Amino acid sequence: MSDRTPKILLVEPDPDMVEMLVGLLQGRFNAQVTCVDSAESCLNTDLYDPHDLVIAEWELHDSDGLQLTEHLTILSPRPIILLADEPCCRDAIEAMRLGVRDLFVKPFPFEDLLDATERAIAGQELKRQHAAKYRRMRELVRHVIRERRDINRRVELVCRDLVEAHRRLVHRVLTLEGTRSEQTS
């Protein structure tokens, strides 16, 4: 992993669960964990300060995991991990279709959640590195294209100068030949 501190948005209404998860996430990843207790707070927070990963409770008082996932993926693609009490199979499949990276059914081993979090953060870092590399390559291509256009303009100017010099030379040669032929006649 990189030296960059991962930013995790934790959406959990249960204060005991928040305390436990924050301790685990900060302990293992030295992560910056932002805690909110509702979908509305989650969306407002992430809108102004995007996070690398969202870990959210499925059942919130103002939304559910599916709606929250839909809204979050519109804001920015990033991994989302949902924590649920008893999701039905249809909801779990729909969550995965919407892009939820992992769905943990309570009670779950915290080590599994931490491993899934590690994979998600590593995946986000890899995407960030690829995006930076792509931006650098695009800038390099732009630079090469600008240089090529500049060289083409310079070559065109040199060619024009050569053509004009050739015209003047031909004109002088013709003028000199004309003067010689007058002198010989």
Foldseek 3Di string as FASTA:
>chain_A
DDPDAFEEEEAAQDPVVVVVVVCVCCVPRVHHYHYDHALVVVLVVCLVPNGQEYEYEQDGPVHGPLVSLQSVVVSDDHEYEYEYADDDPVVVVSNVVSPHQYYHHPPDDVVVVVVSVVVRNVVSVVVVVVVVVVVVVVVVVVVVVVVVVVVVVVVVVVVVVVVVVVVVVVVVVVVVVVVVVVVVD
